[in-house]
């Protein structure tokens, strides 16, 4: 018997629009940012390995990672599906005053 506090799992079909929105946002990134996001999330490589692939030090890879994720976050916050799904208003989406 399922407990009242157990989360309801979303089906693959229900998550598809969210996956597509995230993919759309990743595609808006420049080539290096796409590489960083995909390498870290799909391949699950370390920052050390990322740095080696990019030809930079681990601390520099860390900075590049942070910058890539910040740019991805901006795209995500401005995506119409993401805004609706997570009830983001203009202040949260970063679009106010633009």
PDB file of N, CA and C in Angstrom:
ATOM      1  N   UNK A   1       0.842  -1.183   0.000  1.00  0.00           N
ATOM      2  CA  UNK A   1       0.000   0.000   0.000  1.00  0.00           C
ATOM      3  C   UNK A   1       0.891   1.251   0.000  1.00  0.00           C
ATOM      4  N   UNK A   2       0.615   2.158  -0.908  1.00  0.00           N
ATOM      5  CA  UNK A   2       1.415   3.376  -1.033  1.00  0.00           C
ATOM      6  C   UNK A   2       1.058   4.344   0.088  1.00  0.00           C
ATOM      7  N   UNK A   3       2.082   4.944   0.668  1.00  0.00           N
ATOM      8  CA  UNK A   3       1.873   5.926   1.721  1.00  0.00           C
ATOM      9  C   UNK A   3       1.393   7.247   1.157  1.00  0.00           C
ATOM     10  N   UNK A   4       0.716   8.020   1.980  1.00  0.00           N
ATOM     11  CA  UNK A   4       0.150   9.293   1.538  1.00  0.00           C
ATOM     12  C   UNK A   4       1.241  10.315   1.188  1.00  0.00           C
ATOM     13  N   UNK A   5       2.431  10.165   1.733  1.00  0.00           N
ATOM     14  CA  UNK A   5       3.481  11.140   1.499  1.00  0.00           C
ATOM     15  C   UNK A   5       4.460  10.733   0.401  1.00  0.00           C
ATOM     16  N   UNK A   6       4.258   9.592  -0.232  1.00  0.00           N
ATOM     17  CA  UNK A   6       5.157   9.167  -1.295  1.00  0.00           C
ATOM     18  C   UNK A   6       4.923  10.011  -2.537  1.00  0.00           C
ATOM     19  N   UNK A   7       6.009  10.453  -3.181  1.00  0.00           N
ATOM     20  CA  UNK A   7       5.844  11.273  -4.392  1.00  0.00           C
ATOM     21  C   UNK A   7       5.247  10.450  -5.532  1.00  0.00           C
ATOM     22  N   UNK A   8       4.505  11.118  -6.369  1.00  0.00           N
ATOM     23  CA  UNK A   8       3.928  10.472  -7.539  1.00  0.00           C
ATOM     24  C   UNK A   8       4.941  10.578  -8.659  1.00  0.00           C
ATOM     25  N   UNK A   9       5.290   9.441  -9.217  1.00  0.00           N
ATOM     26  CA  UNK A   9       6.254   9.425 -10.315  1.00  0.00           C
ATOM     27  C   UNK A   9       5.571   9.870 -11.598  1.00  0.00           C
ATOM     28  N   UNK A  10       6.269  10.721 -12.345  1.00  0.00           N
ATOM     29  CA  UNK A  10       5.741  11.161 -13.632  1.00  0.00           C
ATOM     30  C   UNK A  10       6.161  10.165 -14.697  1.00  0.00           C
ATOM     31  N   UNK A  11       5.272   9.944 -15.625  1.00  0.00           N
ATOM     32  CA  UNK A  11       5.588   9.011 -16.699  1.00  0.00           C
ATOM     33  C   UNK A  11       6.564   9.639 -17.681  1.00  0.00           C
ATOM     34  N   UNK A  12       7.159   8.790 -18.489  1.00  0.00           N
ATOM     35  CA  UNK A  12       8.083   9.257 -19.522  1.00  0.00           C
ATOM     36  C   UNK A  12       7.369  10.231 -20.448  1.00  0.00           C
ATOM     37  N   UNK A  13       6.126   9.940 -20.783  1.00  0.00           N
ATOM     38  CA  UNK A  13       5.356  10.822 -21.670  1.00  0.00           C
ATOM     39  C   UNK A  13       5.100  12.177 -21.020  1.00  0.00           C
ATOM     40  N   UNK A  14       4.856  12.185 -19.725  1.00  0.00           N
ATOM     41  CA  UNK A  14       4.617  13.454 -19.032  1.00  0.00           C
ATOM     42  C   UNK A  14       5.882  14.293 -18.930  1.00  0.00           C
ATOM     43  N   UNK A  15       7.021  13.637 -18.880  1.00  0.00           N
ATOM     44  CA  UNK A  15       8.294  14.358 -18.766  1.00  0.00           C
ATOM     45  C   UNK A  15       8.856  14.794 -20.115  1.00  0.00           C
ATOM     46  N   UNK A  16       8.331  14.262 -21.204  1.00  0.00           N
ATOM     47  CA  UNK A  16       8.879  14.562 -22.533  1.00  0.00           C
ATOM     48  C   UNK A  16       8.914  16.054 -22.858  1.00  0.00           C
ATOM     49  N   UNK A  17       7.831  16.815 -22.611  1.00  0.00           N
ATOM     50  CA  UNK A  17       7.908  18.259 -22.908  1.00  0.00           C
ATOM     51  C   UNK A  17       9.006  18.974 -22.107  1.00  0.00           C
ATOM     52  N   UNK A  18       9.233  18.537 -20.879  1.00  0.00           N
ATOM     53  CA  UNK A  18      10.292  19.127 -20.066  1.00  0.00           C
ATOM     54  C   UNK A  18      11.658  18.778 -20.651  1.00  0.00           C
ATOM     55  N   UNK A  19      11.841  17.536 -21.043  1.00  0.00           N
ATOM     56  CA  UNK A  19      13.104  17.125 -21.662  1.00  0.00           C
ATOM     57  C   UNK A  19      13.365  17.933 -22.933  1.00  0.00           C
ATOM     58  N   UNK A  20      12.324  18.135 -23.739  1.00  0.00           N
ATOM     59  CA  UNK A  20      12.476  18.896 -24.979  1.00  0.00           C
ATOM     60  C   UNK A  20      12.823  20.353 -24.701  1.00  0.00           C
ATOM     61  N   UNK A  21      12.219  20.929 -23.664  1.00  0.00           N
ATOM     62  CA  UNK A  21      12.515  22.318 -23.311  1.00  0.00           C
ATOM     63  C   UNK A  21      13.977  22.454 -22.872  1.00  0.00           C
ATOM     64  N   UNK A  22      14.457  21.508 -22.069  1.00  0.00           N
ATOM     65  CA  UNK A  22      15.844  21.545 -21.622  1.00  0.00           C
ATOM     66  C   UNK A  22      16.776  21.380 -22.823  1.00  0.00           C
ATOM     67  N   UNK A  23      16.449  20.444 -23.721  1.00  0.00           N
ATOM     68  CA  UNK A  23      17.270  20.234 -24.921  1.00  0.00           C
ATOM     69  C   UNK A  23      17.301  21.493 -25.779  1.00  0.00           C
ATOM     70  N   UNK A  24      16.160  22.165 -25.918  1.00  0.00           N
ATOM     71  CA  UNK A  24      16.110  23.425 -26.675  1.00  0.00           C
ATOM     72  C   UNK A  24      17.059  24.455 -26.071  1.00  0.00           C
ATOM     73  N   UNK A  25      17.056  24.536 -24.759  1.00  0.00           N
ATOM     74  CA  UNK A  25      17.909  25.517 -24.078  1.00  0.00           C
ATOM     75  C   UNK A  25      19.383  25.167 -24.221  1.00  0.00           C
ATOM     76  N   UNK A  26      19.715  23.891 -24.160  1.00  0.00           N
ATOM     77  CA  UNK A  26      21.108  23.477 -24.341  1.00  0.00           C
ATOM     78  C   UNK A  26      21.566  23.819 -25.755  1.00  0.00           C
ATOM     79  N   UNK A  27      20.689  23.642 -26.741  1.00  0.00           N
ATOM     80  CA  UNK A  27      21.041  23.955 -28.121  1.00  0.00           C
ATOM     81  C   UNK A  27      21.308  25.443 -28.337  1.00  0.00           C
ATOM     82  N   UNK A  28      20.777  26.297 -27.469  1.00  0.00           N
ATOM     83  CA  UNK A  28      21.002  27.739 -27.586  1.00  0.00           C
ATOM     84  C   UNK A  28      22.381  28.155 -27.070  1.00  0.00           C
ATOM     85  N   UNK A  29      23.039  27.265 -26.342  1.00  0.00           N
ATOM     86  CA  UNK A  29      24.368  27.569 -25.812  1.00  0.00           C
ATOM     87  C   UNK A  29      25.405  27.527 -26.925  1.00  0.00           C
ATOM     88  N   UNK A  30      26.525  28.205 -26.704  1.00  0.00           N
ATOM     89  CA  UNK A  30      27.612  28.116 -27.684  1.00  0.00           C
ATOM     90  C   UNK A  30      28.212  26.706 -27.632  1.00  0.00           C
ATOM     91  N   UNK A  31      29.054  26.403 -28.593  1.00  0.00           N
ATOM     92  CA  UNK A  31      29.590  25.043 -28.737  1.00  0.00           C
ATOM     93  C   UNK A  31      30.337  24.574 -27.491  1.00  0.00           C
ATOM     94  N   UNK A  32      31.156  25.442 -26.923  1.00  0.00           N
ATOM     95  CA  UNK A  32      31.921  25.043 -25.732  1.00  0.00           C
ATOM     96  C   UNK A  32      30.996  24.764 -24.554  1.00  0.00           C
ATOM     97  N   UNK A  33      30.010  25.631 -24.339  1.00  0.00           N
ATOM     98  CA  UNK A  33      29.077  25.414 -23.233  1.00  0.00           C
ATOM     99  C   UNK A  33      28.288  24.125 -23.429  1.00  0.00           C
ATOM    100  N   UNK A  34      27.871  23.849 -24.672  1.00  0.00           N
ATOM    101  CA  UNK A  34      27.170  22.593 -24.945  1.00  0.00           C
ATOM    102  C   UNK A  34      28.063  21.406 -24.609  1.00  0.00           C
ATOM    103  N   UNK A  35      29.336  21.482 -25.017  1.00  0.00           N
ATOM    104  CA  UNK A  35      30.280  20.405 -24.723  1.00  0.00           C
ATOM    105  C   UNK A  35      30.387  20.191 -23.214  1.00  0.00           C
ATOM    106  N   UNK A  36      30.524  21.268 -22.470  1.00  0.00           N
ATOM    107  CA  UNK A  36      30.685  21.185 -21.017  1.00  0.00           C
ATOM    108  C   UNK A  36      29.456  20.550 -20.374  1.00  0.00           C
ATOM    109  N   UNK A  37      28.281  21.053 -20.710  1.00  0.00           N
ATOM    110  CA  UNK A  37      27.047  20.535 -20.121  1.00  0.00           C
ATOM    111  C   UNK A  37      26.863  19.060 -20.472  1.00  0.00           C
ATOM    112  N   UNK A  38      27.070  18.718 -21.728  1.00  0.00           N
ATOM    113  CA  UNK A  38      26.888  17.328 -22.140  1.00  0.00           C
ATOM    114  C   UNK A  38      27.930  16.398 -21.522  1.00  0.00           C
ATOM    115  N   UNK A  39      29.178  16.843 -21.461  1.00  0.00           N
ATOM    116  CA  UNK A  39      30.229  16.000 -20.887  1.00  0.00           C
ATOM    117  C   UNK A  39      29.971  15.741 -19.404  1.00  0.00           C
ATOM    118  N   UNK A  40      29.580  16.774 -18.689  1.00  0.00           N
ATOM    119  CA  UNK A  40      29.365  16.615 -17.256  1.00  0.00           C
ATOM    120  C   UNK A  40      28.093  15.836 -16.938  1.00  0.00           C
ATOM    121  N   UNK A  41      27.044  16.044 -17.724  1.00  0.00           N
ATOM    122  CA  UNK A  41      25.766  15.390 -17.405  1.00  0.00           C
ATOM    123  C   UNK A  41      25.585  14.039 -18.074  1.00  0.00           C
ATOM    124  N   UNK A  42      26.015  13.901 -19.301  1.00  0.00           N
ATOM    125  CA  UNK A  42      25.837  12.639 -20.009  1.00  0.00           C
ATOM    126  C   UNK A  42      26.959  11.661 -19.706  1.00  0.00           C
ATOM    127  N   UNK A  43      28.185  12.148 -19.760  1.00  0.00           N
ATOM    128  CA  UNK A  43      29.348  11.280 -19.545  1.00  0.00           C
ATOM    129  C   UNK A  43      29.745  11.189 -18.077  1.00  0.00           C
ATOM    130  N   UNK A  44      29.266  12.131 -17.267  1.00  0.00           N
ATOM    131  CA  UNK A  44      29.567  12.172 -15.834  1.00  0.00           C
ATOM    132  C   UNK A  44      31.075  12.230 -15.572  1.00  0.00           C
ATOM    133  N   UNK A  45      31.784  13.044 -16.374  1.00  0.00           N
ATOM    134  CA  UNK A  45      33.228  13.161 -16.184  1.00  0.00           C
ATOM    135  C   UNK A  45      33.522  14.127 -15.041  1.00  0.00           C
ATOM    136  N   UNK A  46      34.706  14.025 -14.502  1.00  0.00           N
ATOM    137  CA  UNK A  46      35.144  14.898 -13.416  1.00  0.00           C
ATOM    138  C   UNK A  46      35.599  16.243 -13.989  1.00  0.00           C
ATOM    139  N   UNK A  47      35.739  17.222 -13.118  1.00  0.00           N
ATOM    140  CA  UNK A  47      36.269  18.508 -13.542  1.00  0.00           C
ATOM    141  C   UNK A  47      37.718  18.370 -13.999  1.00  0.00           C
ATOM    142  N   UNK A  48      38.452  17.478 -13.377  1.00  0.00           N
ATOM    143  CA  UNK A  48      39.831  17.235 -13.798  1.00  0.00           C
ATOM    144  C   UNK A  48      39.849  16.751 -15.248  1.00  0.00           C
ATOM    145  N   UNK A  49      38.982  15.781 -15.567  1.00  0.00           N
ATOM    146  CA  UNK A  49      38.919  15.228 -16.920  1.00  0.00           C
ATOM    147  C   UNK A  49      38.399  16.291 -17.896  1.00  0.00           C
ATOM    148  N   UNK A  50      37.433  17.087 -17.458  1.00  0.00           N
ATOM    149  CA  UNK A  50      36.927  18.167 -18.307  1.00  0.00           C
ATOM    150  C   UNK A  50      38.056  19.130 -18.650  1.00  0.00           C
ATOM    151  N   UNK A  51      38.836  19.504 -17.638  1.00  0.00           N
ATOM    152  CA  UNK A  51      39.967  20.391 -17.864  1.00  0.00           C
ATOM    153  C   UNK A  51      40.956  19.809 -18.857  1.00  0.00           C
ATOM    154  N   UNK A  52      41.221  18.516 -18.731  1.00  0.00           N
ATOM    155  CA  UNK A  52      42.147  17.858 -19.666  1.00  0.00           C
ATOM    156  C   UNK A  52      41.602  17.918 -21.092  1.00  0.00           C
ATOM    157  N   UNK A  53      40.324  17.672 -21.246  1.00  0.00           N
ATOM    158  CA  UNK A  53      39.717  17.702 -22.586  1.00  0.00           C
ATOM    159  C   UNK A  53      39.731  19.096 -23.188  1.00  0.00           C
ATOM    160  N   UNK A  54      39.563  20.102 -22.329  1.00  0.00           N
ATOM    161  CA  UNK A  54      39.548  21.480 -22.821  1.00  0.00           C
ATOM    162  C   UNK A  54      40.941  22.093 -22.880  1.00  0.00           C
ATOM    163  N   UNK A  55      41.909  21.419 -22.312  1.00  0.00           N
ATOM    164  CA  UNK A  55      43.271  21.947 -22.290  1.00  0.00           C
ATOM    165  C   UNK A  55      43.456  23.064 -21.287  1.00  0.00           C
ATOM    166  N   UNK A  56      42.716  22.990 -20.173  1.00  0.00           N
ATOM    167  CA  UNK A  56      42.806  24.019 -19.131  1.00  0.00           C
ATOM    168  C   UNK A  56      42.979  23.335 -17.776  1.00  0.00           C
ATOM    169  N   UNK A  57      43.309  24.128 -16.763  1.00  0.00           N
ATOM    170  CA  UNK A  57      43.465  23.591 -15.409  1.00  0.00           C
ATOM    171  C   UNK A  57      42.096  23.236 -14.821  1.00  0.00           C
ATOM    172  N   UNK A  58      42.122  22.437 -13.753  1.00  0.00           N
ATOM    173  CA  UNK A  58      40.881  22.072 -13.070  1.00  0.00           C
ATOM    174  C   UNK A  58      40.143  23.309 -12.540  1.00  0.00           C
ATOM    175  N   UNK A  59      40.832  24.276 -11.902  1.00  0.00           N
ATOM    176  CA  UNK A  59      40.109  25.475 -11.448  1.00  0.00           C
ATOM    177  C   UNK A  59      39.472  26.259 -12.604  1.00  0.00           C
ATOM    178  N   UNK A  60      40.176  26.304 -13.747  1.00  0.00           N
ATOM    179  CA  UNK A  60      39.607  27.006 -14.894  1.00  0.00           C
ATOM    180  C   UNK A  60      38.403  26.232 -15.439  1.00  0.00           C
ATOM    181  N   UNK A  61      38.488  24.910 -15.446  1.00  0.00           N
ATOM    182  CA  UNK A  61      37.344  24.081 -15.869  1.00  0.00           C
ATOM    183  C   UNK A  61      36.155  24.337 -14.953  1.00  0.00           C
ATOM    184  N   UNK A  62      36.408  24.507 -13.651  1.00  0.00           N
ATOM    185  CA  UNK A  62      35.354  24.789 -12.688  1.00  0.00           C
ATOM    186  C   UNK A  62      34.668  26.119 -13.036  1.00  0.00           C
ATOM    187  N   UNK A  63      35.471  27.136 -13.362  1.00  0.00           N
ATOM    188  CA  UNK A  63      34.906  28.441 -13.726  1.00  0.00           C
ATOM    189  C   UNK A  63      34.107  28.337 -15.026  1.00  0.00           C
ATOM    190  N   UNK A  64      34.639  27.604 -15.997  1.00  0.00           N
ATOM    191  CA  UNK A  64      33.917  27.429 -17.260  1.00  0.00           C
ATOM    192  C   UNK A  64      32.598  26.690 -17.047  1.00  0.00           C
ATOM    193  N   UNK A  65      32.635  25.674 -16.179  1.00  0.00           N
ATOM    194  CA  UNK A  65      31.416  24.940 -15.858  1.00  0.00           C
ATOM    195  C   UNK A  65      30.363  25.857 -15.236  1.00  0.00           C
ATOM    196  N   UNK A  66      30.801  26.644 -14.259  1.00  0.00           N
ATOM    197  CA  UNK A  66      29.863  27.554 -13.598  1.00  0.00           C
ATOM    198  C   UNK A  66      29.261  28.552 -14.580  1.00  0.00           C
ATOM    199  N   UNK A  67      30.080  29.084 -15.463  1.00  0.00           N
ATOM    200  CA  UNK A  67      29.590  30.048 -16.446  1.00  0.00           C
ATOM    201  C   UNK A  67      28.618  29.387 -17.426  1.00  0.00           C
ATOM    202  N   UNK A  68      28.932  28.162 -17.856  1.00  0.00           N
ATOM    203  CA  UNK A  68      28.039  27.448 -18.785  1.00  0.00           C
ATOM    204  C   UNK A  68      26.687  27.175 -18.127  1.00  0.00           C
ATOM    205  N   UNK A  69      26.710  26.740 -16.869  1.00  0.00           N
ATOM    206  CA  UNK A  69      25.452  26.467 -16.175  1.00  0.00           C
ATOM    207  C   UNK A  69      24.659  27.744 -15.915  1.00  0.00           C
ATOM    208  N   UNK A  70      25.350  28.848 -15.678  1.00  0.00           N
ATOM    209  CA  UNK A  70      24.638  30.118 -15.486  1.00  0.00           C
ATOM    210  C   UNK A  70      23.941  30.531 -16.780  1.00  0.00           C
ATOM    211  N   UNK A  71      24.631  30.389 -17.905  1.00  0.00           N
ATOM    212  CA  UNK A  71      24.003  30.713 -19.191  1.00  0.00           C
ATOM    213  C   UNK A  71      22.836  29.765 -19.475  1.00  0.00           C
ATOM    214  N   UNK A  72      22.994  28.492 -19.146  1.00  0.00           N
ATOM    215  CA  UNK A  72      21.895  27.538 -19.326  1.00  0.00           C
ATOM    216  C   UNK A  72      20.714  27.929 -18.444  1.00  0.00           C
ATOM    217  N   UNK A  73      20.984  28.317 -17.220  1.00  0.00           N
ATOM    218  CA  UNK A  73      19.908  28.726 -16.302  1.00  0.00           C
ATOM    219  C   UNK A  73      19.144  29.926 -16.858  1.00  0.00           C
ATOM    220  N   UNK A  74      19.837  30.873 -17.464  1.00  0.00           N
ATOM    221  CA  UNK A  74      19.159  32.031 -18.065  1.00  0.00           C
ATOM    222  C   UNK A  74      18.220  31.588 -19.181  1.00  0.00           C
ATOM    223  N   UNK A  75      18.694  30.678 -20.024  1.00  0.00           N
ATOM    224  CA  UNK A  75      17.836  30.168 -21.100  1.00  0.00           C
ATOM    225  C   UNK A  75      16.649  29.399 -20.527  1.00  0.00           C
ATOM    226  N   UNK A  76      16.880  28.605 -19.502  1.00  0.00           N
ATOM    227  CA  UNK A  76      15.797  27.827 -18.906  1.00  0.00           C
ATOM    228  C   UNK A  76      14.738  28.740 -18.293  1.00  0.00           C
ATOM    229  N   UNK A  77      15.191  29.763 -17.566  1.00  0.00           N
ATOM    230  CA  UNK A  77      14.233  30.671 -16.919  1.00  0.00           C
ATOM    231  C   UNK A  77      13.405  31.465 -17.925  1.00  0.00           C
ATOM    232  N   UNK A  78      13.918  31.628 -19.140  1.00  0.00           N
ATOM    233  CA  UNK A  78      13.174  32.405 -20.136  1.00  0.00           C
ATOM    234  C   UNK A  78      12.363  31.526 -21.088  1.00  0.00           C
ATOM    235  N   UNK A  79      12.483  30.206 -20.974  1.00  0.00           N
ATOM    236  CA  UNK A  79      11.747  29.301 -21.855  1.00  0.00           C
ATOM    237  C   UNK A  79      10.269  29.263 -21.436  1.00  0.00           C
ATOM    238  N   UNK A  80       9.344  29.466 -22.380  1.00  0.00           N
ATOM    239  CA  UNK A  80       7.919  29.510 -22.041  1.00  0.00           C
ATOM    240  C   UNK A  80       7.410  28.254 -21.319  1.00  0.00           C
ATOM    241  N   UNK A  81       7.836  27.084 -21.750  1.00  0.00           N
ATOM    242  CA  UNK A  81       7.354  25.863 -21.088  1.00  0.00           C
ATOM    243  C   UNK A  81       7.855  25.790 -19.650  1.00  0.00           C
ATOM    244  N   UNK A  82       9.108  26.124 -19.442  1.00  0.00           N
ATOM    245  CA  UNK A  82       9.691  26.090 -18.094  1.00  0.00           C
ATOM    246  C   UNK A  82       8.979  27.102 -17.196  1.00  0.00           C
ATOM    247  N   UNK A  83       8.745  28.299 -17.731  1.00  0.00           N
ATOM    248  CA  UNK A  83       8.051  29.324 -16.944  1.00  0.00           C
ATOM    249  C   UNK A  83       6.675  28.834 -16.510  1.00  0.00           C
ATOM    250  N   UNK A  84       5.929  28.232 -17.440  1.00  0.00           N
ATOM    251  CA  UNK A  84       4.595  27.740 -17.107  1.00  0.00           C
ATOM    252  C   UNK A  84       4.625  26.545 -16.174  1.00  0.00           C
ATOM    253  N   UNK A  85       5.516  25.633 -16.422  1.00  0.00           N
ATOM    254  CA  UNK A  85       5.600  24.404 -15.628  1.00  0.00           C
ATOM    255  C   UNK A  85       5.945  24.699 -14.173  1.00  0.00           C
ATOM    256  N   UNK A  86       6.843  25.673 -13.960  1.00  0.00           N
ATOM    257  CA  UNK A  86       7.313  25.963 -12.616  1.00  0.00           C
ATOM    258  C   UNK A  86       6.778  27.285 -12.071  1.00  0.00           C
ATOM    259  N   UNK A  87       5.760  27.827 -12.747  1.00  0.00           N
ATOM    260  CA  UNK A  87       5.102  29.054 -12.297  1.00  0.00           C
ATOM    261  C   UNK A  87       6.080  30.182 -12.017  1.00  0.00           C
ATOM    262  N   UNK A  88       7.004  30.398 -12.964  1.00  0.00           N
ATOM    263  CA  UNK A  88       7.963  31.487 -12.816  1.00  0.00           C
ATOM    264  C   UNK A  88       7.333  32.774 -13.310  1.00  0.00           C
ATOM    265  N   UNK A  89       7.520  33.842 -12.556  1.00  0.00           N
ATOM    266  CA  UNK A  89       7.056  35.136 -13.053  1.00  0.00           C
ATOM    267  C   UNK A  89       8.232  35.853 -13.677  1.00  0.00           C
ATOM    268  N   UNK A  90       8.012  37.054 -14.165  1.00  0.00           N
ATOM    269  CA  UNK A  90       9.078  37.769 -14.873  1.00  0.00           C
ATOM    270  C   UNK A  90      10.283  38.033 -13.992  1.00  0.00           C
ATOM    271  N   UNK A  91      10.080  38.308 -12.703  1.00  0.00           N
ATOM    272  CA  UNK A  91      11.207  38.571 -11.812  1.00  0.00           C
ATOM    273  C   UNK A  91      12.098  37.345 -11.677  1.00  0.00           C
ATOM    274  N   UNK A  92      11.495  36.160 -11.584  1.00  0.00           N
ATOM    275  CA  UNK A  92      12.266  34.915 -11.449  1.00  0.00           C
ATOM    276  C   UNK A  92      12.928  34.525 -12.753  1.00  0.00           C
ATOM    277  N   UNK A  93      12.320  34.875 -13.878  1.00  0.00           N
ATOM    278  CA  UNK A  93      12.849  34.453 -15.165  1.00  0.00           C
ATOM    279  C   UNK A  93      13.999  35.327 -15.642  1.00  0.00           C
ATOM    280  N   UNK A  94      14.197  36.441 -14.962  1.00  0.00           N
ATOM    281  CA  UNK A  94      15.274  37.325 -15.360  1.00  0.00           C
ATOM    282  C   UNK A  94      14.922  38.218 -16.529  1.00  0.00           C
ATOM    283  N   UNK A  95      13.627  38.273 -16.907  1.00  0.00           N
ATOM    284  CA  UNK A  95      13.210  39.074 -18.054  1.00  0.00           C
ATOM    285  C   UNK A  95      12.718  40.455 -17.675  1.00  0.00           C
ATOM    286  N   UNK A  96      12.540  40.732 -16.399  1.00  0.00           N
ATOM    287  CA  UNK A  96      12.011  42.042 -16.039  1.00  0.00           C
ATOM    288  C   UNK A  96      13.020  43.120 -16.381  1.00  0.00           C
ATOM    289  N   UNK A  97      12.554  44.180 -16.964  1.00  0.00           N
ATOM    290  CA  UNK A  97      13.405  45.293 -17.290  1.00  0.00           C
ATOM    291  C   UNK A  97      14.194  45.131 -18.568  1.00  0.00           C
ATOM    292  N   UNK A  98      13.987  44.046 -19.272  1.00  0.00           N
ATOM    293  CA  UNK A  98      14.725  43.843 -20.518  1.00  0.00           C
ATOM    294  C   UNK A  98      13.923  44.375 -21.679  1.00  0.00           C
TER     295      UNK A  98
END
